[in-house]
Amino acid sequence: MSSIIAPDTCHIELDHVSVVFGSGAQQVTALSDVSFQIHSNEFVSLLGPSGCGKSTLLRLVADLLQPTTGSIRVAGEEPERARLQRQFGVVFQTPALFDWRTVRHNVELPLELLGTSRKEWRRMSGELLEMVGLTRFADHYPWQLSGGMQQRVSIARALALDPPLLLMDEPFSALDEFTKEKLQLELLDIKRSTGKTFLFVTHSIPEAVFLSDRIIVLSAHPGQVHSIHSVNLPDERDRELRETEAFYRMMTTIRNCFYEERDLIHVPAHQ
């Protein structure tokens, strides 16, 4: 089991992080002087236009990329050490499932690689599949499932080692609106039941507002922190919340960020 992070402690910290790709005339600054903190049990969204470095930031935290300058701490450790300590799970935009393994066996894969007993695999996978509503599909294969169901399997697998932090890179962007809203509600249920910390990448303003405790808005070219916003909405969120004045007011506040700076590209009002 993963170590427990005390409530209200700093879970992720970026200090003056920059990322530069290439060299000479081909050099591109993807991120410039990015600093922020995320605390335990927070749901924080990285929001911004395409090309602003959202996914790059998440990959830095996940130890998939290294910063050119600056430092990153995850649960007080460098990302590599946090990864080795199984401090986080990652969910990508496209579910990376093995077609030849059943749903249950996909979820059990991290436990199998860790050397956990087969009895423990079955117990943990059963609990996780119940959590994401896929118990009836445990013996199906990924190609037999819808895109939304596949993403649920991916989330369950990311939770298999019980990491205190979940990193999610636009996991619902390819789904239809009905499925997306259902999975957003289920994700909030997981947060309430597990107390985990979430860093969530999205380019959707409504999605960020509905899910988040705080929203970090990024500007582009190069990616920088434009502003950070607390989402002053009830902790208990349901479909009806999307129709409230407070929800629209928060969306307007966030959307206005995209008109304040010339380097923030236009976001259509219907997004």
C-alpha atoms as a PDB file:
ATOM      1  CA  MET A   1       0.000   0.000   0.000  1.00  0.00           C
ATOM      2  CA  SER A   2       1.172   3.540  -0.654  1.00  0.00           C
ATOM      3  CA  SER A   3       2.234   5.887   2.089  1.00  0.00           C
ATOM      4  CA  ILE A   4      -0.458   8.221   3.363  1.00  0.00           C
ATOM      5  CA  ILE A   5      -0.052  11.948   2.851  1.00  0.00           C
ATOM      6  CA  ALA A   6      -1.336  14.005   5.761  1.00  0.00           C
ATOM      7  CA  PRO A   7      -4.233  16.354   4.961  1.00  0.00           C
ATOM      8  CA  ASP A   8      -3.355  19.985   4.119  1.00  0.00           C
ATOM      9  CA  THR A   9       0.286  19.137   3.374  1.00  0.00           C
ATOM     10  CA  CYS A  10       1.992  20.072   0.121  1.00  0.00           C
ATOM     11  CA  HIS A  11       1.649  17.115  -2.236  1.00  0.00           C
ATOM     12  CA  ILE A  12       3.120  18.589  -5.444  1.00  0.00           C
ATOM     13  CA  GLU A  13       5.466  21.559  -5.658  1.00  0.00           C
ATOM     14  CA  LEU A  14       6.927  23.122  -8.798  1.00  0.00           C
ATOM     15  CA  ASP A  15       9.557  25.811  -8.251  1.00  0.00           C
ATOM     16  CA  HIS A  16      10.545  27.986 -11.250  1.00  0.00           C
ATOM     17  CA  VAL A  17      10.282  25.103 -13.714  1.00  0.00           C
ATOM     18  CA  SER A  18      11.168  25.638 -17.375  1.00  0.00           C
ATOM     19  CA  VAL A  19      11.371  23.158 -20.243  1.00  0.00           C
ATOM     20  CA  VAL A  20      13.261  23.798 -23.475  1.00  0.00           C
ATOM     21  CA  PHE A  21      13.201  21.374 -26.409  1.00  0.00           C
ATOM     22  CA  GLY A  22      15.778  21.342 -29.188  1.00  0.00           C
ATOM     23  CA  SER A  23      18.672  23.738 -29.700  1.00  0.00           C
ATOM     24  CA  GLY A  24      19.792  26.588 -31.902  1.00  0.00           C
ATOM     25  CA  ALA A  25      17.257  27.730 -34.464  1.00  0.00           C
ATOM     26  CA  GLN A  26      15.051  24.740 -33.592  1.00  0.00           C
ATOM     27  CA  GLN A  27      14.889  25.575 -29.892  1.00  0.00           C
ATOM     28  CA  VAL A  28      11.396  25.823 -28.428  1.00  0.00           C
ATOM     29  CA  THR A  29      10.563  26.913 -24.884  1.00  0.00           C
ATOM     30  CA  ALA A  30       7.579  24.786 -23.876  1.00  0.00           C
ATOM     31  CA  LEU A  31       7.324  26.028 -20.273  1.00  0.00           C
ATOM     32  CA  SER A  32       8.802  29.113 -18.641  1.00  0.00           C
ATOM     33  CA  ASP A  33       9.255  29.775 -14.915  1.00  0.00           C
ATOM     34  CA  VAL A  34       6.262  27.756 -13.693  1.00  0.00           C
ATOM     35  CA  SER A  35       5.670  27.637  -9.937  1.00  0.00           C
ATOM     36  CA  PHE A  36       2.686  26.318  -7.968  1.00  0.00           C
ATOM     37  CA  GLN A  37       1.728  23.981  -5.136  1.00  0.00           C
ATOM     38  CA  ILE A  38      -0.992  21.356  -4.834  1.00  0.00           C
ATOM     39  CA  HIS A  39      -2.083  20.153  -1.418  1.00  0.00           C
ATOM     40  CA  SER A  40      -3.256  16.767  -0.273  1.00  0.00           C
ATOM     41  CA  ASN A  41      -6.857  15.825  -1.173  1.00  0.00           C
ATOM     42  CA  GLU A  42      -7.154  18.696  -3.662  1.00  0.00           C
ATOM     43  CA  PHE A  43      -8.561  18.300  -7.132  1.00  0.00           C
ATOM     44  CA  VAL A  44      -6.584  20.720  -9.296  1.00  0.00           C
ATOM     45  CA  SER A  45      -7.049  21.170 -13.036  1.00  0.00           C
ATOM     46  CA  LEU A  46      -4.455  22.471 -15.479  1.00  0.00           C
ATOM     47  CA  LEU A  47      -6.483  24.417 -18.043  1.00  0.00           C
ATOM     48  CA  GLY A  48      -5.344  26.127 -21.195  1.00  0.00           C
ATOM     49  CA  PRO A  49      -5.288  26.143 -25.000  1.00  0.00           C
ATOM     50  CA  SER A  50      -3.554  23.502 -27.077  1.00  0.00           C
ATOM     51  CA  GLY A  51       0.201  23.911 -26.983  1.00  0.00           C
ATOM     52  CA  CYS A  52       0.369  25.666 -23.619  1.00  0.00           C
ATOM     53  CA  GLY A  53       2.296  22.835 -21.933  1.00  0.00           C
ATOM     54  CA  LYS A  54      -0.432  21.190 -19.843  1.00  0.00           C
ATOM     55  CA  SER A  55       0.546  17.637 -20.749  1.00  0.00           C
ATOM     56  CA  THR A  56       4.234  18.527 -20.493  1.00  0.00           C
ATOM     57  CA  LEU A  57       3.658  19.660 -16.908  1.00  0.00           C
ATOM     58  CA  LEU A  58       1.870  16.452 -16.027  1.00  0.00           C
ATOM     59  CA  ARG A  59       4.652  14.376 -17.596  1.00  0.00           C
ATOM     60  CA  LEU A  60       7.208  16.256 -15.526  1.00  0.00           C
ATOM     61  CA  VAL A  61       5.354  15.341 -12.331  1.00  0.00           C
ATOM     62  CA  ALA A  62       5.066  11.728 -13.557  1.00  0.00           C
ATOM     63  CA  ASP A  63       8.841  11.490 -14.183  1.00  0.00           C
ATOM     64  CA  LEU A  64       8.281  10.995 -17.916  1.00  0.00           C
ATOM     65  CA  LEU A  65      10.156  14.217 -18.733  1.00  0.00           C
ATOM     66  CA  GLN A  66      12.873  16.182 -16.961  1.00  0.00           C
ATOM     67  CA  PRO A  67      12.817  19.974 -16.436  1.00  0.00           C
ATOM     68  CA  THR A  68      15.506  22.080 -18.090  1.00  0.00           C
ATOM     69  CA  THR A  69      15.627  24.318 -15.033  1.00  0.00           C
ATOM     70  CA  GLY A  70      13.800  24.452 -11.711  1.00  0.00           C
ATOM     71  CA  SER A  71      12.757  21.719  -9.307  1.00  0.00           C
ATOM     72  CA  ILE A  72       9.767  19.433  -8.714  1.00  0.00           C
ATOM     73  CA  ARG A  73       8.747  17.615  -5.552  1.00  0.00           C
ATOM     74  CA  VAL A  74       6.041  14.960  -5.240  1.00  0.00           C
ATOM     75  CA  ALA A  75       5.207  14.011  -1.660  1.00  0.00           C
ATOM     76  CA  GLY A  76       8.481  15.683  -0.679  1.00  0.00           C
ATOM     77  CA  GLU A  77      10.565  13.620  -3.109  1.00  0.00           C
ATOM     78  CA  GLU A  78      11.964  14.066  -6.592  1.00  0.00           C
ATOM     79  CA  PRO A  79       9.563  12.604  -9.195  1.00  0.00           C
ATOM     80  CA  GLU A  80      11.791   9.585  -9.889  1.00  0.00           C
ATOM     81  CA  ARG A  81      11.846   8.577  -6.237  1.00  0.00           C
ATOM     82  CA  ALA A  82       8.108   9.256  -5.899  1.00  0.00           C
ATOM     83  CA  ARG A  83       7.494   6.983  -8.896  1.00  0.00           C
ATOM     84  CA  LEU A  84       9.602   4.201  -7.392  1.00  0.00           C
ATOM     85  CA  GLN A  85       7.671   4.597  -4.145  1.00  0.00           C
ATOM     86  CA  ARG A  86       4.402   4.253  -6.124  1.00  0.00           C
ATOM     87  CA  GLN A  87       3.203   7.650  -4.989  1.00  0.00           C
ATOM     88  CA  PHE A  88       1.096   8.241  -8.106  1.00  0.00           C
ATOM     89  CA  GLY A  89      -0.907   6.546 -10.827  1.00  0.00           C
ATOM     90  CA  VAL A  90      -1.317   7.923 -14.350  1.00  0.00           C
ATOM     91  CA  VAL A  91      -4.341   7.905 -16.661  1.00  0.00           C
ATOM     92  CA  PHE A  92      -3.703   8.984 -20.255  1.00  0.00           C
ATOM     93  CA  GLN A  93      -6.059  10.364 -22.880  1.00  0.00           C
ATOM     94  CA  THR A  94      -6.171   6.997 -24.676  1.00  0.00           C
ATOM     95  CA  PRO A  95      -6.599   3.912 -22.456  1.00  0.00           C
ATOM     96  CA  ALA A  96      -3.410   1.859 -22.779  1.00  0.00           C
ATOM     97  CA  LEU A  97      -5.024  -1.529 -22.260  1.00  0.00           C
ATOM     98  CA  PHE A  98      -3.833  -4.926 -23.432  1.00  0.00           C
ATOM     99  CA  ASP A  99      -6.386  -6.419 -25.833  1.00  0.00           C
ATOM    100  CA  TRP A 100      -5.379 -10.001 -24.980  1.00  0.00           C
ATOM    101  CA  ARG A 101      -6.004  -9.526 -21.241  1.00  0.00           C
ATOM    102  CA  THR A 102      -9.485  -9.402 -19.772  1.00  0.00           C
ATOM    103  CA  VAL A 103     -10.720  -6.346 -17.914  1.00  0.00           C
ATOM    104  CA  ARG A 104      -9.883  -8.014 -14.613  1.00  0.00           C
ATOM    105  CA  HIS A 105      -6.415  -9.025 -15.773  1.00  0.00           C
ATOM    106  CA  ASN A 106      -5.693  -5.507 -17.055  1.00  0.00           C
ATOM    107  CA  VAL A 107      -6.544  -4.102 -13.637  1.00  0.00           C
ATOM    108  CA  GLU A 108      -4.474  -6.779 -11.915  1.00  0.00           C
ATOM    109  CA  LEU A 109      -1.353  -6.155 -14.015  1.00  0.00           C
ATOM    110  CA  PRO A 110       0.364  -3.689 -11.600  1.00  0.00           C
ATOM    111  CA  LEU A 111      -0.276  -6.067  -8.702  1.00  0.00           C
ATOM    112  CA  GLU A 112       1.087  -8.971 -10.715  1.00  0.00           C
ATOM    113  CA  LEU A 113       4.264  -7.054 -11.590  1.00  0.00           C
ATOM    114  CA  LEU A 114       4.694  -6.098  -7.948  1.00  0.00           C
ATOM    115  CA  GLY A 115       4.648  -9.756  -6.950  1.00  0.00           C
ATOM    116  CA  THR A 116       1.468  -9.584  -4.882  1.00  0.00           C
ATOM    117  CA  SER A 117      -0.270 -12.902  -4.241  1.00  0.00           C
ATOM    118  CA  ARG A 118      -2.914 -14.084  -6.684  1.00  0.00           C
ATOM    119  CA  LYS A 119      -5.507 -14.000  -3.880  1.00  0.00           C
ATOM    120  CA  GLU A 120      -4.682 -10.338  -3.276  1.00  0.00           C
ATOM    121  CA  TRP A 121      -4.919  -9.590  -7.015  1.00  0.00           C
ATOM    122  CA  ARG A 122      -8.443 -10.948  -7.117  1.00  0.00           C
ATOM    123  CA  ARG A 123      -9.554  -9.125  -3.975  1.00  0.00           C
ATOM    124  CA  MET A 124      -8.158  -5.766  -5.101  1.00  0.00           C
ATOM    125  CA  SER A 125      -9.381  -6.028  -8.685  1.00  0.00           C
ATOM    126  CA  GLY A 126     -12.839  -6.965  -7.444  1.00  0.00           C
ATOM    127  CA  GLU A 127     -12.999  -3.878  -5.217  1.00  0.00           C
ATOM    128  CA  LEU A 128     -11.727  -1.584  -7.971  1.00  0.00           C
ATOM    129  CA  LEU A 129     -14.071  -2.934 -10.622  1.00  0.00           C
ATOM    130  CA  GLU A 130     -16.976  -2.425  -8.238  1.00  0.00           C
ATOM    131  CA  MET A 131     -15.785   1.138  -7.608  1.00  0.00           C
ATOM    132  CA  VAL A 132     -15.850   1.967 -11.341  1.00  0.00           C
ATOM    133  CA  GLY A 133     -19.043   0.002 -12.014  1.00  0.00           C
ATOM    134  CA  LEU A 134     -17.549  -2.768 -14.167  1.00  0.00           C
ATOM    135  CA  THR A 135     -18.022  -5.876 -12.027  1.00  0.00           C
ATOM    136  CA  ARG A 136     -20.270  -7.472 -14.673  1.00  0.00           C
ATOM    137  CA  PHE A 137     -17.615  -6.934 -17.329  1.00  0.00           C
ATOM    138  CA  ALA A 138     -14.634  -8.398 -15.449  1.00  0.00           C
ATOM    139  CA  ASP A 139     -14.197 -11.245 -17.935  1.00  0.00           C
ATOM    140  CA  HIS A 140     -14.721  -9.147 -21.064  1.00  0.00           C
ATOM    141  CA  TYR A 141     -11.866  -7.922 -23.243  1.00  0.00           C
ATOM    142  CA  PRO A 142     -11.145  -4.218 -23.896  1.00  0.00           C
ATOM    143  CA  TRP A 143     -12.255  -4.452 -27.528  1.00  0.00           C
ATOM    144  CA  GLN A 144     -15.696  -5.528 -26.293  1.00  0.00           C
ATOM    145  CA  LEU A 145     -16.162  -2.307 -24.297  1.00  0.00           C
ATOM    146  CA  SER A 146     -17.134   1.239 -25.187  1.00  0.00           C
ATOM    147  CA  GLY A 147     -14.577   4.045 -24.976  1.00  0.00           C
ATOM    148  CA  GLY A 148     -15.984   5.236 -21.655  1.00  0.00           C
ATOM    149  CA  MET A 149     -15.846   1.749 -20.165  1.00  0.00           C
ATOM    150  CA  GLN A 150     -12.263   1.328 -21.355  1.00  0.00           C
ATOM    151  CA  GLN A 151     -11.330   4.552 -19.590  1.00  0.00           C
ATOM    152  CA  ARG A 152     -12.922   3.236 -16.400  1.00  0.00           C
ATOM    153  CA  VAL A 153     -10.655   0.189 -16.651  1.00  0.00           C
ATOM    154  CA  SER A 154      -7.694   2.524 -17.069  1.00  0.00           C
ATOM    155  CA  ILE A 155      -8.696   4.458 -13.941  1.00  0.00           C
ATOM    156  CA  ALA A 156      -9.137   1.245 -11.947  1.00  0.00           C
ATOM    157  CA  ARG A 157      -5.699   0.042 -13.023  1.00  0.00           C
ATOM    158  CA  ALA A 158      -4.120   3.379 -12.028  1.00  0.00           C
ATOM    159  CA  LEU A 159      -5.670   2.915  -8.568  1.00  0.00           C
ATOM    160  CA  ALA A 160      -4.524  -0.717  -8.208  1.00  0.00           C
ATOM    161  CA  LEU A 161      -1.464   0.112  -6.096  1.00  0.00           C
ATOM    162  CA  ASP A 162      -3.464   2.613  -4.024  1.00  0.00           C
ATOM    163  CA  PRO A 163      -1.376   5.699  -4.872  1.00  0.00           C
ATOM    164  CA  PRO A 164      -2.223   8.875  -2.933  1.00  0.00           C
ATOM    165  CA  LEU A 165      -2.004  10.917  -6.159  1.00  0.00           C
ATOM    166  CA  LEU A 166      -3.734  10.416  -9.519  1.00  0.00           C
ATOM    167  CA  LEU A 167      -2.390  12.196 -12.620  1.00  0.00           C
ATOM    168  CA  MET A 168      -4.912  12.420 -15.466  1.00  0.00           C
ATOM    169  CA  ASP A 169      -4.124  13.739 -18.955  1.00  0.00           C
ATOM    170  CA  GLU A 170      -7.393  14.736 -20.685  1.00  0.00           C
ATOM    171  CA  PRO A 171      -8.912  11.300 -19.948  1.00  0.00           C
ATOM    172  CA  PHE A 172     -12.420  12.192 -21.147  1.00  0.00           C
ATOM    173  CA  SER A 173     -11.649  14.394 -24.162  1.00  0.00           C
ATOM    174  CA  ALA A 174     -12.446  11.736 -26.777  1.00  0.00           C
ATOM    175  CA  LEU A 175     -15.800  10.776 -25.241  1.00  0.00           C
ATOM    176  CA  ASP A 176     -19.301  12.000 -26.067  1.00  0.00           C
ATOM    177  CA  GLU A 177     -20.838  14.562 -23.724  1.00  0.00           C
ATOM    178  CA  PHE A 178     -23.237  12.117 -22.051  1.00  0.00           C
ATOM    179  CA  THR A 179     -20.472   9.639 -21.204  1.00  0.00           C
ATOM    180  CA  LYS A 180     -18.112  12.437 -20.190  1.00  0.00           C
ATOM    181  CA  GLU A 181     -20.569  13.917 -17.671  1.00  0.00           C
ATOM    182  CA  LYS A 182     -21.275  10.482 -16.194  1.00  0.00           C
ATOM    183  CA  LEU A 183     -17.569   9.761 -15.733  1.00  0.00           C
ATOM    184  CA  GLN A 184     -16.995  13.189 -14.195  1.00  0.00           C
ATOM    185  CA  LEU A 185     -19.571  12.371 -11.514  1.00  0.00           C
ATOM    186  CA  GLU A 186     -17.986   8.967 -10.944  1.00  0.00           C
ATOM    187  CA  LEU A 187     -14.556  10.567 -10.622  1.00  0.00           C
ATOM    188  CA  LEU A 188     -15.836  12.897  -7.904  1.00  0.00           C
ATOM    189  CA  ASP A 189     -17.287   9.852  -6.114  1.00  0.00           C
ATOM    190  CA  ILE A 190     -13.844   8.225  -6.224  1.00  0.00           C
ATOM    191  CA  LYS A 191     -12.259  11.350  -4.801  1.00  0.00           C
ATOM    192  CA  ARG A 192     -14.783  11.484  -1.946  1.00  0.00           C
ATOM    193  CA  SER A 193     -14.419   7.791  -1.114  1.00  0.00           C
ATOM    194  CA  THR A 194     -10.599   7.622  -1.331  1.00  0.00           C
ATOM    195  CA  GLY A 195      -9.374  11.076  -0.286  1.00  0.00           C
ATOM    196  CA  LYS A 196      -6.791  11.071  -3.062  1.00  0.00           C
ATOM    197  CA  THR A 197      -5.144  14.088  -4.687  1.00  0.00           C
ATOM    198  CA  PHE A 198      -5.869  14.741  -8.382  1.00  0.00           C
ATOM    199  CA  LEU A 199      -3.909  16.669 -11.001  1.00  0.00           C
ATOM    200  CA  PHE A 200      -6.172  16.804 -14.045  1.00  0.00           C
ATOM    201  CA  VAL A 201      -5.297  18.169 -17.495  1.00  0.00           C
ATOM    202  CA  THR A 202      -8.148  19.550 -19.595  1.00  0.00           C
ATOM    203  CA  HIS A 203      -8.918  22.164 -22.240  1.00  0.00           C
ATOM    204  CA  SER A 204     -12.616  22.273 -21.264  1.00  0.00           C
ATOM    205  CA  ILE A 205     -13.718  25.155 -19.042  1.00  0.00           C
ATOM    206  CA  PRO A 206     -16.986  23.474 -17.889  1.00  0.00           C
ATOM    207  CA  GLU A 207     -15.119  20.267 -17.025  1.00  0.00           C
ATOM    208  CA  ALA A 208     -12.479  22.132 -15.014  1.00  0.00           C
ATOM    209  CA  VAL A 209     -15.083  24.141 -13.105  1.00  0.00           C
ATOM    210  CA  PHE A 210     -17.257  21.120 -12.341  1.00  0.00           C
ATOM    211  CA  LEU A 211     -14.446  18.900 -11.066  1.00  0.00           C
ATOM    212  CA  SER A 212     -11.948  21.200  -9.418  1.00  0.00           C
ATOM    213  CA  ASP A 213     -11.158  22.731  -6.070  1.00  0.00           C
ATOM    214  CA  ARG A 214      -8.697  24.993  -7.885  1.00  0.00           C
ATOM    215  CA  ILE A 215      -7.926  25.754 -11.528  1.00  0.00           C
ATOM    216  CA  ILE A 216      -4.481  26.706 -12.796  1.00  0.00           C
ATOM    217  CA  VAL A 217      -4.880  28.635 -16.057  1.00  0.00           C
ATOM    218  CA  LEU A 218      -1.893  28.439 -18.395  1.00  0.00           C
ATOM    219  CA  SER A 219      -0.990  30.861 -21.153  1.00  0.00           C
ATOM    220  CA  ALA A 220       0.836  29.678 -24.265  1.00  0.00           C
ATOM    221  CA  HIS A 221       4.056  30.284 -26.188  1.00  0.00           C
ATOM    222  CA  PRO A 222       5.771  29.647 -23.840  1.00  0.00           C
ATOM    223  CA  GLY A 223       3.554  27.981 -21.234  1.00  0.00           C
ATOM    224  CA  GLN A 224       3.301  30.047 -18.068  1.00  0.00           C
ATOM    225  CA  VAL A 225       0.916  30.303 -15.134  1.00  0.00           C
ATOM    226  CA  HIS A 226      -1.548  33.014 -16.075  1.00  0.00           C
ATOM    227  CA  SER A 227      -3.677  32.777 -12.929  1.00  0.00           C
ATOM    228  CA  ILE A 228      -4.874  30.386 -10.221  1.00  0.00           C
ATOM    229  CA  HIS A 229      -8.528  30.303  -9.174  1.00  0.00           C
ATOM    230  CA  SER A 230     -10.327  28.739  -6.223  1.00  0.00           C
ATOM    231  CA  VAL A 231     -13.631  27.178  -7.297  1.00  0.00           C
ATOM    232  CA  ASN A 232     -16.169  28.334  -4.741  1.00  0.00           C
ATOM    233  CA  LEU A 233     -18.812  25.699  -5.371  1.00  0.00           C
ATOM    234  CA  PRO A 234     -20.286  23.089  -2.984  1.00  0.00           C
ATOM    235  CA  ASP A 235     -18.210  20.009  -2.265  1.00  0.00           C
ATOM    236  CA  GLU A 236     -21.195  17.834  -3.162  1.00  0.00           C
ATOM    237  CA  ARG A 237     -21.705  18.318  -6.908  1.00  0.00           C
ATOM    238  CA  ASP A 238     -24.396  16.875  -9.138  1.00  0.00           C
ATOM    239  CA  ARG A 239     -25.869  17.426 -12.594  1.00  0.00           C
ATOM    240  CA  GLU A 240     -28.069  20.248 -11.359  1.00  0.00           C
ATOM    241  CA  LEU A 241     -25.010  22.264 -10.336  1.00  0.00           C
ATOM    242  CA  ARG A 242     -24.218  22.856 -14.017  1.00  0.00           C
ATOM    243  CA  GLU A 243     -27.405  24.893 -14.349  1.00  0.00           C
ATOM    244  CA  THR A 244     -26.784  27.217 -11.402  1.00  0.00           C
ATOM    245  CA  GLU A 245     -25.833  30.876 -11.533  1.00  0.00           C
ATOM    246  CA  ALA A 246     -22.737  30.179  -9.426  1.00  0.00           C
ATOM    247  CA  PHE A 247     -21.497  27.639 -11.977  1.00  0.00           C
ATOM    248  CA  TYR A 248     -21.965  30.038 -14.900  1.00  0.00           C
ATOM    249  CA  ARG A 249     -20.370  32.851 -12.945  1.00  0.00           C
ATOM    250  CA  MET A 250     -17.287  30.712 -12.301  1.00  0.00           C
ATOM    251  CA  MET A 251     -17.096  29.702 -15.959  1.00  0.00           C
ATOM    252  CA  THR A 252     -17.265  33.353 -16.963  1.00  0.00           C
ATOM    253  CA  THR A 253     -14.435  34.225 -14.596  1.00  0.00           C
ATOM    254  CA  ILE A 254     -12.244  31.514 -16.108  1.00  0.00           C
ATOM    255  CA  ARG A 255     -13.236  32.278 -19.693  1.00  0.00           C
ATOM    256  CA  ASN A 256     -12.371  35.935 -19.241  1.00  0.00           C
ATOM    257  CA  CYS A 257      -8.769  34.901 -18.575  1.00  0.00           C
ATOM    258  CA  PHE A 258      -8.561  33.889 -22.223  1.00  0.00           C
ATOM    259  CA  TYR A 259      -9.309  37.426 -23.368  1.00  0.00           C
ATOM    260  CA  GLU A 260      -6.966  39.268 -21.016  1.00  0.00           C
ATOM    261  CA  GLU A 261      -3.653  38.239 -22.559  1.00  0.00           C
ATOM    262  CA  ARG A 262      -2.663  38.322 -26.207  1.00  0.00           C
ATOM    263  CA  ASP A 263      -0.812  35.005 -25.857  1.00  0.00           C
ATOM    264  CA  LEU A 264      -3.941  33.182 -24.700  1.00  0.00           C
ATOM    265  CA  ILE A 265      -5.737  32.060 -27.833  1.00  0.00           C
ATOM    266  CA  HIS A 266      -9.496  32.490 -28.243  1.00  0.00           C
ATOM    267  CA  VAL A 267     -11.734  29.918 -26.531  1.00  0.00           C
ATOM    268  CA  PRO A 268     -15.190  29.664 -28.146  1.00  0.00           C
ATOM    269  CA  ALA A 269     -18.037  30.666 -25.850  1.00  0.00           C
ATOM    270  CA  HIS A 270     -19.828  27.349 -26.475  1.00  0.00           C
ATOM    271  CA  GLN A 271     -16.946  25.170 -25.167  1.00  0.00           C
END
